[in-house]
Every structure is written in structure tokens, then in C-alpha cells.
């Protein structure tokens, strides 16, 4: 009986390591795709690069997205909310968040026609929705 329990524990550890490895590979693949799509060399800006790294970690850990082409408006909205809610823990400023979201919009061709991506202080609906 004890041997059976030990075998199960080993399997759980292996599955955990495997899923961690898959998430890491997914993160690296997404980050590489963003680097390849960066024609304006915005990723040379440390703040933008750090934000894109956060985005790739978010995608790898909290979504099933494995390719930049799969990113949609809802995903970016959820990431924006995640960034604002975890701003202190992630050590990002609102300027960092804005630059990151603008870069993601440009690379993924997600439109910015609505209030969500308007970072002006007068955009009450954005700031009230993210509290």
C-alpha cells in the first residue's frame, strides 16, 4: 500500500513539473513571437519589455493561449484588469501599464476605439471599472 502511495506522489510531482515546463515553454514561445513582431523596436524600452514579459506570463499561467494570433480584446481587457489589481505586487506604474497595453494593441492589431484603452484621467468608466 505504501509503495502505491509513493508511486502516486511521484506521478503528481512529475505532472506538476510537466505542466510547469509546458507553461515555461508557452511563455518563451509567446515572448519570442512578440520580439519577432516588434518592428518599431519598442521592446528595447525596459518598461515595455517588462510589461510584455508580464503579459506572456499571464497568458501562460491563466489562459490557454499559445500563439499571439489567438489574443483577442477580452484577453487584453482581462490583462489590463490584472495589471491594475496587482500593480504594487508587480512593481508597475500606470505609465508602464499604458505603454504595455499600447504596444500589445499595436502588435495584435486590437482596436482602441472605445473607452477601455483611453488612459486619460477623465475616463471615469475605465478607472471605476478597474477598482
Foldseek 3Di string as FASTA:
>chain_A
DVVVVVVVVVVVVVVVVVLVVQLVVLLVQALVQLVVLPPVPPCVPVLLVLLSSLLSNCCSPPHPDRYLQPDAPVSLLVVLLVCVVCVVVSVHDVVSSLSNSVSSCVSNVYDPPDLCSPPDPVSVVNVVVSD
